[in-house]
Amino acid sequence: MDWNLTSLFEEKMPREIHWTDAEEIGIQLQEKFPDLDPFTVRFTDLHRYVTELEGFADDPTKSNEPRLEAIQMAWHEEYEDAKG
């Protein structure tokens, strides 16, 4: 059997997520909250949702309004795509 350690590691360990990974965060939030319109989420709740994601490895205090806006927009794009 041919084991690829990289793919085995990636399957077992989620990739670390940081505040600057807006697209990845948007994807994960859409998967976790598929029926929630991102534009109805307060930034205080969005902050909590992001910091509770599996693989989130950044300093929770390093968020700011532009980062949260970028995450909200990325999530909204995923939300709209999912609606078809």
PDB file of N, CA and C in Angstrom:
ATOM      1  N   MET A   1       0.851  -1.175   0.000  1.00  0.00           N
ATOM      2  CA  MET A   1       0.000   0.000   0.000  1.00  0.00           C
ATOM      3  C   MET A   1       0.893   1.234   0.000  1.00  0.00           C
ATOM      4  N   ASP A   2       0.560   2.195  -0.825  1.00  0.00           N
ATOM      5  CA  ASP A   2       1.343   3.410  -0.944  1.00  0.00           C
ATOM      6  C   ASP A   2       0.726   4.498  -0.068  1.00  0.00           C
ATOM      7  N   TRP A   3       1.425   4.876   0.980  1.00  0.00           N
ATOM      8  CA  TRP A   3       0.920   5.907   1.886  1.00  0.00           C
ATOM      9  C   TRP A   3       1.558   7.238   1.547  1.00  0.00           C
ATOM     10  N   ASN A   4       0.732   8.209   1.332  1.00  0.00           N
ATOM     11  CA  ASN A   4       1.201   9.562   1.132  1.00  0.00           C
ATOM     12  C   ASN A   4       1.027  10.272   2.471  1.00  0.00           C
ATOM     13  N   LEU A   5       2.128  10.533   3.158  1.00  0.00           N
ATOM     14  CA  LEU A   5       2.055  11.112   4.497  1.00  0.00           C
ATOM     15  C   LEU A   5       1.410  12.490   4.506  1.00  0.00           C
ATOM     16  N   THR A   6       1.619  13.244   3.450  1.00  0.00           N
ATOM     17  CA  THR A   6       1.021  14.572   3.395  1.00  0.00           C
ATOM     18  C   THR A   6      -0.491  14.483   3.376  1.00  0.00           C
ATOM     19  N   SER A   7      -1.047  13.625   2.507  1.00  0.00           N
ATOM     20  CA  SER A   7      -2.500  13.523   2.446  1.00  0.00           C
ATOM     21  C   SER A   7      -3.052  12.875   3.715  1.00  0.00           C
ATOM     22  N   LEU A   8      -2.326  11.949   4.304  1.00  0.00           N
ATOM     23  CA  LEU A   8      -2.756  11.338   5.548  1.00  0.00           C
ATOM     24  C   LEU A   8      -2.805  12.390   6.646  1.00  0.00           C
ATOM     25  N   PHE A   9      -1.792  13.244   6.720  1.00  0.00           N
ATOM     26  CA  PHE A   9      -1.752  14.310   7.710  1.00  0.00           C
ATOM     27  C   PHE A   9      -2.897  15.289   7.497  1.00  0.00           C
ATOM     28  N   GLU A  10      -3.157  15.661   6.246  1.00  0.00           N
ATOM     29  CA  GLU A  10      -4.212  16.617   5.949  1.00  0.00           C
ATOM     30  C   GLU A  10      -5.588  16.058   6.300  1.00  0.00           C
ATOM     31  N   GLU A  11      -5.768  14.746   6.168  1.00  0.00           N
ATOM     32  CA  GLU A  11      -7.051  14.137   6.511  1.00  0.00           C
ATOM     33  C   GLU A  11      -7.268  14.133   8.018  1.00  0.00           C
ATOM     34  N   LYS A  12      -6.210  13.947   8.778  1.00  0.00           N
ATOM     35  CA  LYS A  12      -6.317  13.832  10.225  1.00  0.00           C
ATOM     36  C   LYS A  12      -6.289  15.180  10.927  1.00  0.00           C
ATOM     37  N   MET A  13      -5.555  16.134  10.394  1.00  0.00           N
ATOM     38  CA  MET A  13      -5.380  17.431  11.021  1.00  0.00           C
ATOM     39  C   MET A  13      -5.953  18.524  10.123  1.00  0.00           C
ATOM     40  N   PRO A  14      -6.908  19.291  10.627  1.00  0.00           N
ATOM     41  CA  PRO A  14      -7.418  20.389   9.804  1.00  0.00           C
ATOM     42  C   PRO A  14      -6.334  21.445   9.612  1.00  0.00           C
ATOM     43  N   ARG A  15      -6.391  22.095   8.473  1.00  0.00           N
ATOM     44  CA  ARG A  15      -5.442  23.161   8.200  1.00  0.00           C
ATOM     45  C   ARG A  15      -5.694  24.290   9.183  1.00  0.00           C
ATOM     46  N   GLU A  16      -4.629  24.904   9.654  1.00  0.00           N
ATOM     47  CA  GLU A  16      -4.785  26.042  10.553  1.00  0.00           C
ATOM     48  C   GLU A  16      -5.420  27.207   9.804  1.00  0.00           C
ATOM     49  N   ILE A  17      -6.356  27.863  10.449  1.00  0.00           N
ATOM     50  CA  ILE A  17      -7.067  28.994   9.860  1.00  0.00           C
ATOM     51  C   ILE A  17      -6.699  30.252  10.638  1.00  0.00           C
ATOM     52  N   HIS A  18      -6.487  31.328   9.887  1.00  0.00           N
ATOM     53  CA  HIS A  18      -6.164  32.623  10.479  1.00  0.00           C
ATOM     54  C   HIS A  18      -7.145  33.670   9.971  1.00  0.00           C
ATOM     55  N   TRP A  19      -7.171  34.832  10.624  1.00  0.00           N
ATOM     56  CA  TRP A  19      -8.095  35.899  10.250  1.00  0.00           C
ATOM     57  C   TRP A  19      -7.982  36.277   8.780  1.00  0.00           C
ATOM     58  N   THR A  20      -6.820  36.134   8.205  1.00  0.00           N
ATOM     59  CA  THR A  20      -6.621  36.538   6.807  1.00  0.00           C
ATOM     60  C   THR A  20      -7.129  35.497   5.812  1.00  0.00           C
ATOM     61  N   ASP A  21      -7.588  34.358   6.272  1.00  0.00           N
ATOM     62  CA  ASP A  21      -8.097  33.287   5.398  1.00  0.00           C
ATOM     63  C   ASP A  21      -9.603  33.447   5.171  1.00  0.00           C
ATOM     64  N   ALA A  22     -10.007  34.617   4.694  1.00  0.00           N
ATOM     65  CA  ALA A  22     -11.432  34.941   4.580  1.00  0.00           C
ATOM     66  C   ALA A  22     -12.190  33.928   3.721  1.00  0.00           C
ATOM     67  N   GLU A  23     -11.625  33.541   2.591  1.00  0.00           N
ATOM     68  CA  GLU A  23     -12.339  32.602   1.712  1.00  0.00           C
ATOM     69  C   GLU A  23     -12.562  31.255   2.391  1.00  0.00           C
ATOM     70  N   GLU A  24     -11.531  30.719   3.021  1.00  0.00           N
ATOM     71  CA  GLU A  24     -11.656  29.432   3.711  1.00  0.00           C
ATOM     72  C   GLU A  24     -12.655  29.534   4.861  1.00  0.00           C
ATOM     73  N   ILE A  25     -12.596  30.627   5.586  1.00  0.00           N
ATOM     74  CA  ILE A  25     -13.541  30.827   6.687  1.00  0.00           C
ATOM     75  C   ILE A  25     -14.963  30.919   6.140  1.00  0.00           C
ATOM     76  N   GLY A  26     -15.141  31.639   5.037  1.00  0.00           N
ATOM     77  CA  GLY A  26     -16.457  31.748   4.418  1.00  0.00           C
ATOM     78  C   GLY A  26     -17.029  30.393   4.028  1.00  0.00           C
ATOM     79  N   ILE A  27     -16.180  29.552   3.466  1.00  0.00           N
ATOM     80  CA  ILE A  27     -16.599  28.198   3.086  1.00  0.00           C
ATOM     81  C   ILE A  27     -17.026  27.409   4.319  1.00  0.00           C
ATOM     82  N   GLN A  28     -16.205  27.448   5.344  1.00  0.00           N
ATOM     83  CA  GLN A  28     -16.517  26.679   6.552  1.00  0.00           C
ATOM     84  C   GLN A  28     -17.766  27.190   7.260  1.00  0.00           C
ATOM     85  N   LEU A  29     -17.947  28.506   7.279  1.00  0.00           N
ATOM     86  CA  LEU A  29     -19.152  29.049   7.909  1.00  0.00           C
ATOM     87  C   LEU A  29     -20.399  28.652   7.123  1.00  0.00           C
ATOM     88  N   GLN A  30     -20.305  28.641   5.813  1.00  0.00           N
ATOM     89  CA  GLN A  30     -21.447  28.220   4.989  1.00  0.00           C
ATOM     90  C   GLN A  30     -21.786  26.752   5.245  1.00  0.00           C
ATOM     91  N   GLU A  31     -20.765  25.931   5.410  1.00  0.00           N
ATOM     92  CA  GLU A  31     -21.010  24.515   5.707  1.00  0.00           C
ATOM     93  C   GLU A  31     -21.630  24.340   7.089  1.00  0.00           C
ATOM     94  N   LYS A  32     -21.201  25.148   8.035  1.00  0.00           N
ATOM     95  CA  LYS A  32     -21.683  25.027   9.411  1.00  0.00           C
ATOM     96  C   LYS A  32     -23.066  25.652   9.608  1.00  0.00           C
ATOM     97  N   PHE A  33     -23.335  26.752   8.894  1.00  0.00           N
ATOM     98  CA  PHE A  33     -24.600  27.481   9.036  1.00  0.00           C
ATOM     99  C   PHE A  33     -25.239  27.696   7.657  1.00  0.00           C
ATOM    100  N   PRO A  34     -25.663  26.634   6.991  1.00  0.00           N
ATOM    101  CA  PRO A  34     -26.128  26.760   5.596  1.00  0.00           C
ATOM    102  C   PRO A  34     -27.379  27.611   5.402  1.00  0.00           C
ATOM    103  N   ASP A  35     -28.203  27.767   6.424  1.00  0.00           N
ATOM    104  CA  ASP A  35     -29.452  28.509   6.274  1.00  0.00           C
ATOM    105  C   ASP A  35     -29.391  29.922   6.845  1.00  0.00           C
ATOM    106  N   LEU A  36     -28.218  30.325   7.313  1.00  0.00           N
ATOM    107  CA  LEU A  36     -28.069  31.628   7.941  1.00  0.00           C
ATOM    108  C   LEU A  36     -27.523  32.643   6.936  1.00  0.00           C
ATOM    109  N   ASP A  37     -28.274  33.719   6.718  1.00  0.00           N
ATOM    110  CA  ASP A  37     -27.829  34.788   5.819  1.00  0.00           C
ATOM    111  C   ASP A  37     -26.721  35.566   6.535  1.00  0.00           C
ATOM    112  N   PRO A  38     -25.518  35.566   5.988  1.00  0.00           N
ATOM    113  CA  PRO A  38     -24.394  36.230   6.648  1.00  0.00           C
ATOM    114  C   PRO A  38     -24.637  37.719   6.921  1.00  0.00           C
ATOM    115  N   PHE A  39     -25.466  38.362   6.108  1.00  0.00           N
ATOM    116  CA  PHE A  39     -25.722  39.789   6.304  1.00  0.00           C
ATOM    117  C   PHE A  39     -26.615  40.067   7.515  1.00  0.00           C
ATOM    118  N   THR A  40     -27.181  39.018   8.113  1.00  0.00           N
ATOM    119  CA  THR A  40     -27.995  39.193   9.322  1.00  0.00           C
ATOM    120  C   THR A  40     -27.189  38.940  10.593  1.00  0.00           C
ATOM    121  N   VAL A  41     -25.916  38.574  10.452  1.00  0.00           N
ATOM    122  CA  VAL A  41     -25.076  38.210  11.596  1.00  0.00           C
ATOM    123  C   VAL A  41     -24.325  39.447  12.109  1.00  0.00           C
ATOM    124  N   ARG A  42     -24.454  39.714  13.400  1.00  0.00           N
ATOM    125  CA  ARG A  42     -23.704  40.807  14.020  1.00  0.00           C
ATOM    126  C   ARG A  42     -22.220  40.423  14.082  1.00  0.00           C
ATOM    127  N   PHE A  43     -21.364  41.412  14.021  1.00  0.00           N
ATOM    128  CA  PHE A  43     -19.923  41.133  14.049  1.00  0.00           C
ATOM    129  C   PHE A  43     -19.498  40.447  15.344  1.00  0.00           C
ATOM    130  N   THR A  44     -20.169  40.729  16.449  1.00  0.00           N
ATOM    131  CA  THR A  44     -19.816  40.046  17.697  1.00  0.00           C
ATOM    132  C   THR A  44     -20.075  38.544  17.574  1.00  0.00           C
ATOM    133  N   ASP A  45     -21.188  38.191  16.909  1.00  0.00           N
ATOM    134  CA  ASP A  45     -21.488  36.770  16.696  1.00  0.00           C
ATOM    135  C   ASP A  45     -20.555  36.172  15.653  1.00  0.00           C
ATOM    136  N   LEU A  46     -20.278  36.923  14.594  1.00  0.00           N
ATOM    137  CA  LEU A  46     -19.366  36.443  13.559  1.00  0.00           C
ATOM    138  C   LEU A  46     -17.994  36.145  14.160  1.00  0.00           C
ATOM    139  N   HIS A  47     -17.523  37.015  15.004  1.00  0.00           N
ATOM    140  CA  HIS A  47     -16.237  36.808  15.680  1.00  0.00           C
ATOM    141  C   HIS A  47     -16.248  35.485  16.437  1.00  0.00           C
ATOM    142  N   ARG A  48     -17.324  35.251  17.180  1.00  0.00           N
ATOM    143  CA  ARG A  48     -17.433  34.006  17.949  1.00  0.00           C
ATOM    144  C   ARG A  48     -17.489  32.790  17.029  1.00  0.00           C
ATOM    145  N   TYR A  49     -18.279  32.871  15.949  1.00  0.00           N
ATOM    146  CA  TYR A  49     -18.373  31.750  15.014  1.00  0.00           C
ATOM    147  C   TYR A  49     -17.000  31.398  14.440  1.00  0.00           C
ATOM    148  N   VAL A  50     -16.235  32.421  14.076  1.00  0.00           N
ATOM    149  CA  VAL A  50     -14.916  32.192  13.479  1.00  0.00           C
ATOM    150  C   VAL A  50     -13.979  31.556  14.493  1.00  0.00           C
ATOM    151  N   THR A  51     -13.931  32.096  15.694  1.00  0.00           N
ATOM    152  CA  THR A  51     -12.985  31.575  16.685  1.00  0.00           C
ATOM    153  C   THR A  51     -13.344  30.171  17.151  1.00  0.00           C
ATOM    154  N   GLU A  52     -14.599  29.762  16.926  1.00  0.00           N
ATOM    155  CA  GLU A  52     -15.022  28.416  17.304  1.00  0.00           C
ATOM    156  C   GLU A  52     -14.849  27.392  16.182  1.00  0.00           C
ATOM    157  N   LEU A  53     -14.422  27.829  14.996  1.00  0.00           N
ATOM    158  CA  LEU A  53     -14.218  26.892  13.890  1.00  0.00           C
ATOM    159  C   LEU A  53     -13.074  25.940  14.198  1.00  0.00           C
ATOM    160  N   GLU A  54     -13.251  24.691  13.775  1.00  0.00           N
ATOM    161  CA  GLU A  54     -12.183  23.716  13.914  1.00  0.00           C
ATOM    162  C   GLU A  54     -10.993  24.181  13.072  1.00  0.00           C
ATOM    163  N   GLY A  55      -9.841  24.212  13.668  1.00  0.00           N
ATOM    164  CA  GLY A  55      -8.638  24.623  12.949  1.00  0.00           C
ATOM    165  C   GLY A  55      -8.291  26.092  13.122  1.00  0.00           C
ATOM    166  N   PHE A  56      -9.178  26.863  13.764  1.00  0.00           N
ATOM    167  CA  PHE A  56      -8.847  28.277  13.968  1.00  0.00           C
ATOM    168  C   PHE A  56      -7.670  28.367  14.927  1.00  0.00           C
ATOM    169  N   ALA A  57      -6.598  29.029  14.473  1.00  0.00           N
ATOM    170  CA  ALA A  57      -5.358  29.036  15.257  1.00  0.00           C
ATOM    171  C   ALA A  57      -4.763  30.427  15.398  1.00  0.00           C
ATOM    172  N   ASP A  58      -5.579  31.441  15.229  1.00  0.00           N
ATOM    173  CA  ASP A  58      -5.072  32.803  15.314  1.00  0.00           C
ATOM    174  C   ASP A  58      -5.431  33.404  16.673  1.00  0.00           C
ATOM    175  N   ASP A  59      -4.891  34.553  16.931  1.00  0.00           N
ATOM    176  CA  ASP A  59      -5.170  35.282  18.161  1.00  0.00           C
ATOM    177  C   ASP A  59      -6.555  35.927  18.022  1.00  0.00           C
ATOM    178  N   PRO A  60      -7.510  35.564  18.873  1.00  0.00           N
ATOM    179  CA  PRO A  60      -8.852  36.134  18.761  1.00  0.00           C
ATOM    180  C   PRO A  60      -8.872  37.666  18.835  1.00  0.00           C
ATOM    181  N   THR A  61      -7.897  38.264  19.475  1.00  0.00           N
ATOM    182  CA  THR A  61      -7.879  39.724  19.607  1.00  0.00           C
ATOM    183  C   THR A  61      -7.368  40.424  18.349  1.00  0.00           C
ATOM    184  N   LYS A  62      -6.910  39.670  17.362  1.00  0.00           N
ATOM    185  CA  LYS A  62      -6.370  40.274  16.140  1.00  0.00           C
ATOM    186  C   LYS A  62      -7.419  40.498  15.058  1.00  0.00           C
ATOM    187  N   SER A  63      -8.675  40.288  15.399  1.00  0.00           N
ATOM    188  CA  SER A  63      -9.711  40.597  14.421  1.00  0.00           C
ATOM    189  C   SER A  63      -9.931  42.106  14.414  1.00  0.00           C
ATOM    190  N   ASN A  64     -10.483  42.587  13.305  1.00  0.00           N
ATOM    191  CA  ASN A  64     -10.858  43.993  13.218  1.00  0.00           C
ATOM    192  C   ASN A  64     -12.000  44.099  12.214  1.00  0.00           C
ATOM    193  N   GLU A  65     -12.565  45.277  12.083  1.00  0.00           N
ATOM    194  CA  GLU A  65     -13.729  45.444  11.224  1.00  0.00           C
ATOM    195  C   GLU A  65     -13.447  45.063   9.768  1.00  0.00           C
ATOM    196  N   PRO A  66     -12.330  45.502   9.165  1.00  0.00           N
ATOM    197  CA  PRO A  66     -12.072  45.093   7.775  1.00  0.00           C
ATOM    198  C   PRO A  66     -11.935  43.575   7.605  1.00  0.00           C
ATOM    199  N   ARG A  67     -11.334  42.903   8.557  1.00  0.00           N
ATOM    200  CA  ARG A  67     -11.202  41.443   8.456  1.00  0.00           C
ATOM    201  C   ARG A  67     -12.566  40.772   8.573  1.00  0.00           C
ATOM    202  N   LEU A  68     -13.385  41.241   9.511  1.00  0.00           N
ATOM    203  CA  LEU A  68     -14.714  40.668   9.664  1.00  0.00           C
ATOM    204  C   LEU A  68     -15.581  40.950   8.440  1.00  0.00           C
ATOM    205  N   GLU A  69     -15.431  42.129   7.856  1.00  0.00           N
ATOM    206  CA  GLU A  69     -16.172  42.448   6.635  1.00  0.00           C
ATOM    207  C   GLU A  69     -15.763  41.522   5.492  1.00  0.00           C
ATOM    208  N   ALA A  70     -14.461  41.274   5.364  1.00  0.00           N
ATOM    209  CA  ALA A  70     -13.981  40.380   4.304  1.00  0.00           C
ATOM    210  C   ALA A  70     -14.522  38.967   4.502  1.00  0.00           C
ATOM    211  N   ILE A  71     -14.565  38.513   5.742  1.00  0.00           N
ATOM    212  CA  ILE A  71     -15.098  37.182   6.043  1.00  0.00           C
ATOM    213  C   ILE A  71     -16.590  37.148   5.736  1.00  0.00           C
ATOM    214  N   GLN A  72     -17.305  38.185   6.142  1.00  0.00           N
ATOM    215  CA  GLN A  72     -18.744  38.245   5.888  1.00  0.00           C
ATOM    216  C   GLN A  72     -19.040  38.219   4.383  1.00  0.00           C
ATOM    217  N   MET A  73     -18.254  38.955   3.615  1.00  0.00           N
ATOM    218  CA  MET A  73     -18.464  38.979   2.163  1.00  0.00           C
ATOM    219  C   MET A  73     -18.143  37.620   1.534  1.00  0.00           C
ATOM    220  N   ALA A  74     -17.075  36.976   1.990  1.00  0.00           N
ATOM    221  CA  ALA A  74     -16.719  35.648   1.473  1.00  0.00           C
ATOM    222  C   ALA A  74     -17.809  34.636   1.820  1.00  0.00           C
ATOM    223  N   TRP A  75     -18.306  34.710   3.030  1.00  0.00           N
ATOM    224  CA  TRP A  75     -19.385  33.823   3.463  1.00  0.00           C
ATOM    225  C   TRP A  75     -20.642  34.099   2.633  1.00  0.00           C
ATOM    226  N   HIS A  76     -20.957  35.379   2.407  1.00  0.00           N
ATOM    227  CA  HIS A  76     -22.149  35.724   1.627  1.00  0.00           C
ATOM    228  C   HIS A  76     -22.043  35.189   0.199  1.00  0.00           C
ATOM    229  N   GLU A  77     -20.859  35.239  -0.378  1.00  0.00           N
ATOM    230  CA  GLU A  77     -20.664  34.685  -1.717  1.00  0.00           C
ATOM    231  C   GLU A  77     -20.966  33.185  -1.726  1.00  0.00           C
ATOM    232  N   GLU A  78     -20.480  32.470  -0.725  1.00  0.00           N
ATOM    233  CA  GLU A  78     -20.769  31.039  -0.613  1.00  0.00           C
ATOM    234  C   GLU A  78     -22.265  30.803  -0.394  1.00  0.00           C
ATOM    235  N   TYR A  79     -22.881  31.634   0.408  1.00  0.00           N
ATOM    236  CA  TYR A  79     -24.313  31.534   0.694  1.00  0.00           C
ATOM    237  C   TYR A  79     -25.124  31.702  -0.582  1.00  0.00           C
ATOM    238  N   GLU A  80     -24.784  32.703  -1.375  1.00  0.00           N
ATOM    239  CA  GLU A  80     -25.490  32.947  -2.641  1.00  0.00           C
ATOM    240  C   GLU A  80     -25.259  31.801  -3.637  1.00  0.00           C
ATOM    241  N   ASP A  81     -24.040  31.297  -3.695  1.00  0.00           N
ATOM    242  CA  ASP A  81     -23.746  30.166  -4.581  1.00  0.00           C
ATOM    243  C   ASP A  81     -24.562  28.936  -4.186  1.00  0.00           C
ATOM    244  N   ALA A  82     -24.715  28.719  -2.889  1.00  0.00           N
ATOM    245  CA  ALA A  82     -25.446  27.552  -2.416  1.00  0.00           C
ATOM    246  C   ALA A  82     -26.943  27.663  -2.722  1.00  0.00           C
ATOM    247  N   LYS A  83     -27.454  28.891  -2.734  1.00  0.00           N
ATOM    248  CA  LYS A  83     -28.869  29.095  -3.040  1.00  0.00           C
ATOM    249  C   LYS A  83     -29.167  28.816  -4.508  1.00  0.00           C
ATOM    250  N   GLY A  84     -28.123  28.917  -5.332  1.00  0.00           N
ATOM    251  CA  GLY A  84     -28.287  28.610  -6.752  1.00  0.00           C
ATOM    252  C   GLY A  84     -28.758  29.758  -7.497  1.00  0.00           C
TER     253      GLY A  84
END
